[in-house]
């Protein structure tokens, strides 16, 4: 995906999430990572602690980077939290490049959700 295409499709994802959550403003990357983490965790709670929110964003990042072979799902612990094993180190330099990879994988993640909903 070219940079312009990532930017365009990322904006589309942000609008879809805003609409689905009935938000007042477009969600940022951290918010979308949190929501994907909750989705992957599989349990909705009224509140999450600060540490749990960080864990949920980590779960999202691992799930997204699994598509590129960086992680493999290892299973769930006794509390139901997903765990991942590192397959190859994530050596991408610079925040902008890391965000670009996450955005691309978030776009793919939402595309898969849409396909699954259509089936």
C-alpha atoms as a PDB file:
ATOM      1  CA  UNK A   1       0.000   0.000   0.000  1.00  0.00           C
ATOM      2  CA  UNK A   2       1.290   3.428  -0.927  1.00  0.00           C
ATOM      3  CA  UNK A   3       1.448   6.168   1.714  1.00  0.00           C
ATOM      4  CA  UNK A   4      -1.478   8.093   0.203  1.00  0.00           C
ATOM      5  CA  UNK A   5      -3.605   4.940   0.225  1.00  0.00           C
ATOM      6  CA  UNK A   6      -2.763   4.230   3.869  1.00  0.00           C
ATOM      7  CA  UNK A   7      -3.663   7.828   4.776  1.00  0.00           C
ATOM      8  CA  UNK A   8      -6.973   7.638   2.894  1.00  0.00           C
ATOM      9  CA  UNK A   9      -8.010   4.235   4.248  1.00  0.00           C
ATOM     10  CA  UNK A  10      -6.850   5.165   7.762  1.00  0.00           C
ATOM     11  CA  UNK A  11      -9.202   8.155   7.669  1.00  0.00           C
ATOM     12  CA  UNK A  12     -12.017   5.845   6.535  1.00  0.00           C
ATOM     13  CA  UNK A  13     -11.350   3.507   9.483  1.00  0.00           C
ATOM     14  CA  UNK A  14     -11.350   6.426  11.898  1.00  0.00           C
ATOM     15  CA  UNK A  15     -14.720   7.591  10.548  1.00  0.00           C
ATOM     16  CA  UNK A  16     -16.179   4.068  10.798  1.00  0.00           C
ATOM     17  CA  UNK A  17     -15.036   3.746  14.415  1.00  0.00           C
ATOM     18  CA  UNK A  18     -16.383   7.229  15.256  1.00  0.00           C
ATOM     19  CA  UNK A  19     -19.732   6.294  13.763  1.00  0.00           C
ATOM     20  CA  UNK A  20     -19.852   2.868  15.441  1.00  0.00           C
ATOM     21  CA  UNK A  21     -18.983   4.271  18.864  1.00  0.00           C
ATOM     22  CA  UNK A  22     -21.137   7.386  18.403  1.00  0.00           C
ATOM     23  CA  UNK A  23     -18.117   9.477  19.314  1.00  0.00           C
ATOM     24  CA  UNK A  24     -17.818  13.233  19.054  1.00  0.00           C
ATOM     25  CA  UNK A  25     -14.396  13.249  17.414  1.00  0.00           C
ATOM     26  CA  UNK A  26     -12.246  11.003  15.268  1.00  0.00           C
ATOM     27  CA  UNK A  27     -10.409   8.403  17.361  1.00  0.00           C
ATOM     28  CA  UNK A  28      -6.615   8.390  17.358  1.00  0.00           C
ATOM     29  CA  UNK A  29      -4.287   5.426  16.977  1.00  0.00           C
ATOM     30  CA  UNK A  30      -4.168   4.685  20.714  1.00  0.00           C
ATOM     31  CA  UNK A  31      -7.961   4.628  20.973  1.00  0.00           C
ATOM     32  CA  UNK A  32      -8.295   2.248  18.039  1.00  0.00           C
ATOM     33  CA  UNK A  33      -5.559   0.007  19.464  1.00  0.00           C
ATOM     34  CA  UNK A  34      -7.460  -0.059  22.762  1.00  0.00           C
ATOM     35  CA  UNK A  35     -10.707  -1.038  20.989  1.00  0.00           C
ATOM     36  CA  UNK A  36      -8.971  -3.793  19.001  1.00  0.00           C
ATOM     37  CA  UNK A  37      -7.411  -5.010  22.258  1.00  0.00           C
ATOM     38  CA  UNK A  38     -10.847  -5.239  23.873  1.00  0.00           C
ATOM     39  CA  UNK A  39     -12.121  -7.101  20.803  1.00  0.00           C
ATOM     40  CA  UNK A  40      -9.231  -9.572  20.940  1.00  0.00           C
ATOM     41  CA  UNK A  41      -9.559  -9.962  24.723  1.00  0.00           C
ATOM     42  CA  UNK A  42     -13.174 -10.895  24.145  1.00  0.00           C
ATOM     43  CA  UNK A  43     -14.659  -9.444  27.313  1.00  0.00           C
ATOM     44  CA  UNK A  44     -16.202  -6.025  27.769  1.00  0.00           C
ATOM     45  CA  UNK A  45     -15.970  -4.411  31.177  1.00  0.00           C
ATOM     46  CA  UNK A  46     -17.315  -1.095  32.407  1.00  0.00           C
ATOM     47  CA  UNK A  47     -13.817   0.010  33.394  1.00  0.00           C
ATOM     48  CA  UNK A  48     -10.241  -1.065  32.909  1.00  0.00           C
ATOM     49  CA  UNK A  49      -7.301  -0.027  35.060  1.00  0.00           C
ATOM     50  CA  UNK A  50      -4.480   1.977  33.489  1.00  0.00           C
ATOM     51  CA  UNK A  51      -2.342  -1.192  33.417  1.00  0.00           C
ATOM     52  CA  UNK A  52      -5.139  -3.193  31.791  1.00  0.00           C
ATOM     53  CA  UNK A  53      -5.561  -0.488  29.135  1.00  0.00           C
ATOM     54  CA  UNK A  54      -1.838  -0.717  28.352  1.00  0.00           C
ATOM     55  CA  UNK A  55      -2.118  -4.517  28.216  1.00  0.00           C
ATOM     56  CA  UNK A  56      -5.073  -4.249  25.829  1.00  0.00           C
ATOM     57  CA  UNK A  57      -3.116  -1.970  23.490  1.00  0.00           C
ATOM     58  CA  UNK A  58      -0.213  -4.444  23.636  1.00  0.00           C
ATOM     59  CA  UNK A  59      -2.598  -7.287  22.758  1.00  0.00           C
ATOM     60  CA  UNK A  60      -3.823  -5.246  19.792  1.00  0.00           C
ATOM     61  CA  UNK A  61      -0.286  -4.526  18.584  1.00  0.00           C
ATOM     62  CA  UNK A  62       0.692  -8.191  18.876  1.00  0.00           C
ATOM     63  CA  UNK A  63      -2.486  -9.290  17.063  1.00  0.00           C
ATOM     64  CA  UNK A  64      -1.853  -6.788  14.283  1.00  0.00           C
ATOM     65  CA  UNK A  65       1.848  -7.624  13.934  1.00  0.00           C
ATOM     66  CA  UNK A  66       1.019 -11.334  13.907  1.00  0.00           C
ATOM     67  CA  UNK A  67      -0.118 -10.765  10.306  1.00  0.00           C
ATOM     68  CA  UNK A  68       3.482  -9.856   9.420  1.00  0.00           C
ATOM     69  CA  UNK A  69       5.038 -12.793  11.257  1.00  0.00           C
ATOM     70  CA  UNK A  70       6.372 -10.857  14.248  1.00  0.00           C
ATOM     71  CA  UNK A  71       4.228 -12.700  16.809  1.00  0.00           C
ATOM     72  CA  UNK A  72       2.346 -15.971  17.192  1.00  0.00           C
ATOM     73  CA  UNK A  73      -0.649 -16.432  19.434  1.00  0.00           C
ATOM     74  CA  UNK A  74       0.474 -18.683  22.318  1.00  0.00           C
ATOM     75  CA  UNK A  75      -2.844 -19.072  24.129  1.00  0.00           C
ATOM     76  CA  UNK A  76      -4.729 -17.560  27.024  1.00  0.00           C
ATOM     77  CA  UNK A  77      -3.862 -17.510  30.694  1.00  0.00           C
ATOM     78  CA  UNK A  78      -6.212 -18.612  33.489  1.00  0.00           C
ATOM     79  CA  UNK A  79      -7.838 -15.155  33.482  1.00  0.00           C
ATOM     80  CA  UNK A  80      -8.490 -15.277  29.743  1.00  0.00           C
ATOM     81  CA  UNK A  81      -5.794 -12.790  28.692  1.00  0.00           C
ATOM     82  CA  UNK A  82      -4.189 -13.610  25.309  1.00  0.00           C
ATOM     83  CA  UNK A  83      -0.439 -14.137  25.186  1.00  0.00           C
ATOM     84  CA  UNK A  84       1.926 -14.063  22.225  1.00  0.00           C
ATOM     85  CA  UNK A  85       5.377 -15.385  21.442  1.00  0.00           C
ATOM     86  CA  UNK A  86       7.903 -13.283  19.548  1.00  0.00           C
ATOM     87  CA  UNK A  87       8.846 -14.874  16.223  1.00  0.00           C
ATOM     88  CA  UNK A  88      11.117 -12.123  14.957  1.00  0.00           C
ATOM     89  CA  UNK A  89      12.172  -8.836  16.548  1.00  0.00           C
ATOM     90  CA  UNK A  90      10.317  -5.700  15.517  1.00  0.00           C
ATOM     91  CA  UNK A  91      13.269  -3.568  14.467  1.00  0.00           C
ATOM     92  CA  UNK A  92      11.426  -0.846  12.588  1.00  0.00           C
ATOM     93  CA  UNK A  93      13.065   2.486  13.418  1.00  0.00           C
ATOM     94  CA  UNK A  94      11.178   5.683  14.081  1.00  0.00           C
ATOM     95  CA  UNK A  95       7.721   6.342  15.451  1.00  0.00           C
ATOM     96  CA  UNK A  96       6.334   7.426  12.061  1.00  0.00           C
ATOM     97  CA  UNK A  97       7.351   4.166  10.383  1.00  0.00           C
ATOM     98  CA  UNK A  98       6.019   2.081  13.291  1.00  0.00           C
ATOM     99  CA  UNK A  99       2.703   3.940  13.164  1.00  0.00           C
ATOM    100  CA  UNK A 100       2.518   3.426   9.394  1.00  0.00           C
ATOM    101  CA  UNK A 101       2.871  -0.347   9.837  1.00  0.00           C
ATOM    102  CA  UNK A 102       0.244  -0.401  12.593  1.00  0.00           C
ATOM    103  CA  UNK A 103      -2.159   1.718  10.526  1.00  0.00           C
ATOM    104  CA  UNK A 104      -1.715  -0.561   7.506  1.00  0.00           C
ATOM    105  CA  UNK A 105      -2.457  -3.607   9.659  1.00  0.00           C
ATOM    106  CA  UNK A 106      -5.432  -1.899  11.315  1.00  0.00           C
ATOM    107  CA  UNK A 107      -6.843  -1.248   7.838  1.00  0.00           C
ATOM    108  CA  UNK A 108      -6.396  -4.938   6.988  1.00  0.00           C
ATOM    109  CA  UNK A 109      -7.948  -5.928  10.343  1.00  0.00           C
ATOM    110  CA  UNK A 110     -11.073  -3.857   9.642  1.00  0.00           C
ATOM    111  CA  UNK A 111     -11.254  -5.180   6.069  1.00  0.00           C
ATOM    112  CA  UNK A 112     -11.302  -8.742   7.450  1.00  0.00           C
ATOM    113  CA  UNK A 113     -14.056  -7.796   9.912  1.00  0.00           C
ATOM    114  CA  UNK A 114     -16.151  -6.378   7.078  1.00  0.00           C
ATOM    115  CA  UNK A 115     -15.696  -9.516   4.979  1.00  0.00           C
ATOM    116  CA  UNK A 116     -16.642 -11.711   7.946  1.00  0.00           C
ATOM    117  CA  UNK A 117     -19.788  -9.629   8.554  1.00  0.00           C
ATOM    118  CA  UNK A 118     -20.816  -9.988   4.906  1.00  0.00           C
ATOM    119  CA  UNK A 119     -20.592 -13.779   4.978  1.00  0.00           C
END
